[in-house]
N, C-alpha and C. Protein backbone atom coordinates (compact mmCIF):
# COMPACT_ATOMS: atom_id res chain seq x y z
N MET A 1 135.57 160.17 135.68
CA MET A 1 135.64 158.66 136.58
C MET A 1 136.73 158.16 135.83
N GLN A 2 136.93 158.01 133.54
CA GLN A 2 137.72 157.57 133.51
C GLN A 2 138.98 157.02 133.67
N GLU A 3 139.42 157.72 134.76
CA GLU A 3 141.13 158.30 135.14
C GLU A 3 140.91 156.81 136.36
N GLY A 4 140.33 157.12 136.19
CA GLY A 4 140.69 155.72 138.11
C GLY A 4 140.28 154.24 137.23
N VAL A 5 139.46 153.93 135.72
CA VAL A 5 140.24 152.74 135.69
C VAL A 5 141.10 152.82 134.33
N ASP A 6 141.86 153.79 134.60
CA ASP A 6 143.00 153.96 133.84
C ASP A 6 144.25 153.46 134.76
N LEU A 7 143.15 153.92 135.58
CA LEU A 7 144.30 154.48 136.90
C LEU A 7 144.47 152.20 137.01
N TRP A 8 143.79 151.19 137.01
CA TRP A 8 143.20 150.15 137.64
C TRP A 8 143.66 148.59 136.38
N ARG A 9 144.21 149.52 135.56
CA ARG A 9 144.49 149.10 133.92
C ARG A 9 146.14 149.33 133.93
N LEU A 10 146.85 149.90 134.31
CA LEU A 10 147.97 150.67 134.87
C LEU A 10 148.50 149.19 136.16
N HIS A 11 147.01 149.44 137.29
CA HIS A 11 147.92 148.39 138.04
C HIS A 11 148.04 147.54 138.04
N ASP A 12 146.91 146.93 137.21
CA ASP A 12 146.95 145.10 136.83
C ASP A 12 147.79 144.93 135.00
N PHE A 13 148.45 146.09 134.48
CA PHE A 13 149.20 146.04 133.74
C PHE A 13 150.90 145.89 134.44
N LEU A 14 151.01 146.20 135.32
CA LEU A 14 152.08 146.09 136.17
C LEU A 14 152.48 144.93 136.64
N ILE A 15 150.98 144.22 137.53
CA ILE A 15 150.86 143.22 138.08
C ILE A 15 151.66 142.04 137.36
N ASP A 16 150.93 141.91 135.64
CA ASP A 16 151.41 141.06 134.85
C ASP A 16 153.01 141.29 134.48
N LYS A 17 153.70 142.23 134.02
CA LYS A 17 154.60 142.31 134.24
C LYS A 17 155.46 142.37 135.43
N ARG A 18 155.42 142.51 136.75
CA ARG A 18 156.39 141.57 138.18
C ARG A 18 156.21 140.16 137.80
N ARG A 19 155.16 139.50 137.60
CA ARG A 19 154.76 138.00 137.61
C ARG A 19 155.83 138.13 136.66
N GLU A 20 155.79 138.24 135.12
CA GLU A 20 155.92 137.87 134.39
C GLU A 20 158.14 137.67 134.78
N ILE A 21 158.64 138.99 135.25
CA ILE A 21 159.63 139.18 135.19
C ILE A 21 160.03 138.48 136.54
N GLY A 22 159.95 137.77 137.27
CA GLY A 22 159.88 137.34 138.89
C GLY A 22 159.60 136.16 137.73
N GLU A 23 159.00 135.30 137.11
CA GLU A 23 159.25 133.82 136.57
C GLU A 23 159.73 134.02 135.56
N LYS A 24 160.88 134.38 134.56
CA LYS A 24 161.68 134.30 133.46
C LYS A 24 163.33 134.42 134.13
N TYR A 25 163.06 135.16 135.55
CA TYR A 25 164.40 135.48 135.89
C TYR A 25 164.15 134.61 137.95
N ASP A 26 163.56 133.84 138.02
CA ASP A 26 163.70 132.99 139.23
C ASP A 26 165.02 131.86 139.24
N TYR A 27 165.93 132.94 140.44
CA TYR A 27 167.16 132.20 141.05
C TYR A 27 166.84 131.35 141.44
N ARG A 28 165.91 130.43 142.06
CA ARG A 28 166.32 129.30 142.97
C ARG A 28 167.00 128.52 142.48
N TYR A 29 167.04 127.84 143.46
CA TYR A 29 168.26 126.55 142.10
C TYR A 29 167.54 125.60 141.98
N SER A 30 165.54 125.35 142.20
CA SER A 30 165.21 124.42 141.71
C SER A 30 164.94 124.55 140.24
N GLN A 31 164.62 125.71 139.80
CA GLN A 31 165.05 126.29 138.45
C GLN A 31 164.89 127.12 137.67
N PHE A 32 166.81 126.79 137.86
CA PHE A 32 167.09 127.98 137.47
C PHE A 32 167.53 126.41 135.94
N ILE A 33 167.03 125.70 135.45
CA ILE A 33 166.74 124.98 134.17
C ILE A 33 165.73 125.14 133.60
N PHE A 34 165.07 126.01 134.22
CA PHE A 34 163.82 125.83 133.13
C PHE A 34 163.75 127.31 133.06
N VAL A 35 164.60 128.50 133.72
CA VAL A 35 165.06 130.04 133.30
C VAL A 35 165.94 129.58 132.19
N PHE A 36 166.83 129.24 131.81
CA PHE A 36 168.06 128.97 130.49
C PHE A 36 167.35 128.58 129.81
N ALA A 37 166.07 127.61 130.14
CA ALA A 37 166.35 126.90 128.23
C ALA A 37 164.57 128.17 127.59
N ARG A 38 164.23 129.26 129.05
CA ARG A 38 163.43 130.17 128.60
C ARG A 38 163.70 131.21 128.01
N LEU A 39 165.15 131.38 128.64
CA LEU A 39 165.83 132.72 128.23
C LEU A 39 166.86 132.39 126.57
N ILE A 40 166.82 130.79 126.71
CA ILE A 40 167.46 130.52 125.30
C ILE A 40 166.19 130.95 123.95
N HIS A 41 164.99 129.94 124.59
CA HIS A 41 163.98 129.88 123.54
C HIS A 41 163.94 131.21 123.24
N GLU A 42 163.86 132.39 124.13
CA GLU A 42 163.98 133.53 123.89
C GLU A 42 164.64 135.01 123.60
N GLY A 43 165.95 133.72 123.00
CA GLY A 43 167.63 134.96 122.14
C GLY A 43 167.76 135.37 123.19
N TRP A 44 168.32 135.67 124.83
CA TRP A 44 168.42 136.32 125.17
C TRP A 44 170.28 135.19 126.24
N LEU A 45 169.98 134.46 125.60
CA LEU A 45 171.10 133.50 125.31
C LEU A 45 171.55 132.24 125.07
N LEU A 46 172.58 131.56 124.94
CA LEU A 46 172.88 130.37 123.85
C LEU A 46 173.18 129.26 124.95
N ILE A 47 172.96 128.01 123.96
CA ILE A 47 173.22 126.76 124.77
C ILE A 47 175.30 127.19 125.17
N GLU A 48 175.49 127.28 124.43
CA GLU A 48 176.71 126.93 123.78
C GLU A 48 177.59 128.64 125.56
N GLU A 49 177.23 129.41 125.83
CA GLU A 49 177.27 130.17 126.87
C GLU A 49 176.53 129.66 128.67
N LEU A 50 176.75 128.36 128.59
CA LEU A 50 176.57 127.51 129.84
C LEU A 50 177.95 126.60 129.82
N GLU A 51 178.51 126.36 129.74
CA GLU A 51 180.09 125.97 129.20
C GLU A 51 180.19 125.34 130.85
N GLY A 52 180.25 124.54 129.95
CA GLY A 52 180.77 123.96 132.60
C GLY A 52 179.80 122.96 132.73
N LEU A 53 178.57 123.74 132.69
CA LEU A 53 177.24 122.88 132.99
C LEU A 53 177.41 121.54 132.73
N HIS A 54 176.62 120.98 133.96
CA HIS A 54 176.85 119.52 133.84
C HIS A 54 175.65 119.39 133.35
N GLU A 55 176.73 117.76 132.41
CA GLU A 55 175.37 117.04 130.65
C GLU A 55 174.21 116.29 130.88
N ASP A 56 173.60 116.02 132.28
CA ASP A 56 172.22 116.26 132.70
C ASP A 56 172.21 117.37 132.96
N LYS A 57 171.81 117.88 133.71
CA LYS A 57 171.65 119.38 133.03
C LYS A 57 171.09 120.29 131.86
N LEU A 58 172.17 119.56 130.92
CA LEU A 58 172.00 120.76 129.89
C LEU A 58 171.31 120.03 128.90
N ALA A 59 171.47 118.12 128.96
CA ALA A 59 170.68 117.71 128.37
C ALA A 59 168.82 117.63 128.81
N LYS A 60 168.84 118.06 130.07
CA LYS A 60 167.35 118.20 130.13
C LYS A 60 166.44 120.10 130.08
N ILE A 61 167.97 120.53 128.90
CA ILE A 61 166.83 122.05 128.91
C ILE A 61 166.99 122.14 127.78
N GLU A 62 168.61 121.18 127.07
CA GLU A 62 167.65 120.30 125.43
C GLU A 62 166.82 120.05 125.00
N LEU A 63 165.88 119.30 126.29
CA LEU A 63 164.99 118.54 126.23
C LEU A 63 163.55 120.24 125.82
N ILE A 64 163.68 120.62 126.96
CA ILE A 64 162.80 121.15 127.52
C ILE A 64 162.42 121.97 126.52
N LEU A 65 163.55 122.63 125.76
CA LEU A 65 163.80 123.54 124.42
C LEU A 65 163.24 122.79 123.10
N SER A 66 163.71 121.78 122.76
CA SER A 66 162.64 120.83 121.85
C SER A 66 161.13 120.36 122.11
N LEU A 67 160.70 120.45 123.30
CA LEU A 67 159.27 120.26 123.65
C LEU A 67 158.56 121.15 122.90
N ALA A 68 159.84 123.17 123.56
CA ALA A 68 158.95 124.44 123.68
C ALA A 68 159.00 124.82 121.86
N ARG A 69 159.90 123.97 121.76
CA ARG A 69 159.68 124.03 118.94
C ARG A 69 158.42 123.89 118.79
N GLN A 70 158.04 122.53 119.32
CA GLN A 70 156.76 121.38 119.01
C GLN A 70 155.30 122.10 118.91
């Protein structure tokens, strides 16, 4: 019986990870500012690597980062 419980725990863990990865690497245009801000916040990306991105988008990313630091 414990094997069934363990299997469901594994299932739940994998569902959570799938959701986390889906949110982290959301490729929709409407979400990319949030994706970039999250990747910078987590240390996977540097703001300098977004060179060429329009100034208003960089400003929004920096605003999100400042809110995340609070």
